[in-house]
Protein backbone atom coordinates (compact mmCIF):
# COMPACT_ATOMS: atom_id res chain seq x y z
CA MET A 1 -0.13 0.01 -0.05
CA ASN A 2 1.31 3.35 -0.84
CA VAL A 3 0.71 5.96 2.02
CA LEU A 4 1.28 9.65 1.75
CA VAL A 5 2.55 10.71 5.09
CA LEU A 6 2.44 14.35 6.18
CA ASN A 7 3.96 16.22 8.98
CA ALA A 8 3.24 19.77 9.35
CA GLY A 9 5.43 22.13 11.50
CA SER A 10 5.02 25.79 12.17
CA SER A 11 6.60 27.00 8.84
CA SER A 12 7.27 23.59 7.12
CA LEU A 13 5.53 20.59 5.53
CA LYS A 14 7.54 17.29 5.14
CA PHE A 15 6.04 14.51 3.14
CA SER A 16 6.89 11.16 1.75
CA LEU A 17 5.10 8.36 -0.04
CA THR A 18 5.88 5.32 1.38
CA ASP A 19 5.32 1.73 -0.20
CA THR A 20 4.35 -0.32 3.06
CA ARG A 21 4.71 -3.67 1.24
CA ALA A 22 8.13 -2.96 0.19
CA GLN A 23 8.92 -0.98 3.22
CA ARG A 24 10.54 1.91 1.42
CA HIS A 25 9.95 5.42 0.53
CA ARG A 26 8.98 6.13 -3.03
CA LEU A 27 9.78 9.74 -2.64
CA ARG A 28 10.01 12.20 0.02
CA GLY A 29 10.45 16.05 0.31
CA LEU A 30 9.52 19.22 2.30
CA VAL A 31 8.05 22.65 1.94
CA GLU A 32 10.04 25.12 4.02
CA ARG A 33 9.51 28.95 5.01
CA ILE A 34 5.69 28.51 4.44
CA GLY A 35 4.02 32.17 4.73
CA LEU A 36 7.25 33.98 3.54
CA GLU A 37 8.07 34.97 -0.10
CA GLN A 38 11.27 32.68 -0.11
CA ALA A 39 9.16 29.44 0.56
CA ARG A 40 10.72 26.45 -1.52
CA LEU A 41 10.00 22.97 -2.21
CA THR A 42 12.43 20.35 -2.35
CA LEU A 43 11.38 17.01 -3.70
CA GLU A 44 14.16 14.17 -4.29
CA GLY A 45 16.95 16.55 -3.78
CA ARG A 46 15.81 19.28 -6.33
CA THR A 47 14.71 22.62 -4.93
CA GLU A 48 12.58 25.37 -6.47
CA ALA A 49 10.62 28.23 -5.30
CA VAL A 50 6.69 27.94 -4.63
CA ALA A 51 3.91 30.19 -3.71
CA ALA A 52 3.12 29.02 -0.10
CA ALA A 53 1.29 31.87 1.82
CA ASP A 54 -0.05 28.95 4.18
CA HIS A 55 -0.12 25.37 4.73
CA ALA A 56 -2.97 24.80 2.47
CA ALA A 57 -1.00 26.30 -0.29
CA ALA A 58 1.93 24.48 0.39
CA LEU A 59 -0.06 21.06 0.30
CA GLN A 60 -1.46 22.09 -3.06
CA ALA A 61 2.06 22.72 -4.28
CA VAL A 62 2.83 19.08 -3.30
CA LEU A 63 -0.03 17.42 -4.65
CA ARG A 64 0.56 18.99 -8.00
CA ARG A 65 3.82 17.16 -8.15
CA LEU A 66 2.56 13.72 -7.22
CA ASP A 67 0.98 11.20 -9.20
CA LEU A 68 -2.22 10.94 -7.08
CA ASP A 69 -3.31 7.52 -8.56
CA LEU A 70 -0.50 6.14 -6.55
CA VAL A 71 -1.58 7.18 -3.31
CA GLU A 72 -3.84 4.75 -1.47
CA ALA A 73 -3.90 6.45 1.96
CA VAL A 74 -3.03 9.44 3.83
CA GLY A 75 -1.59 9.77 7.29
CA HIS A 76 -0.70 12.81 9.31
CA ARG A 77 1.75 13.01 12.33
CA VAL A 78 -0.02 14.47 15.28
CA VAL A 79 1.47 15.63 18.54
CA HIS A 80 -0.40 16.25 21.64
CA GLY A 81 0.97 17.91 24.53
CA GLY A 82 -2.03 17.47 27.08
CA ASP A 83 -2.01 15.16 30.14
């Protein structure tokens, strides 16, 4: 199964497409400096400037570069600081 894994930080969005059957990453990358004019997307070692005024725009930039037919499930890292 190919799982798109997302990890949103305060000004970044890390992502990977992981093949759980083969236990390997098909691809991975990140969007940095979300909310700034200098936002950039790095995918498989190649970096380019992107318009990412917020996390929604950053996610759209990522999704435009993926073959969505490969994605079978989506997961997101959640951190909870409560008791």
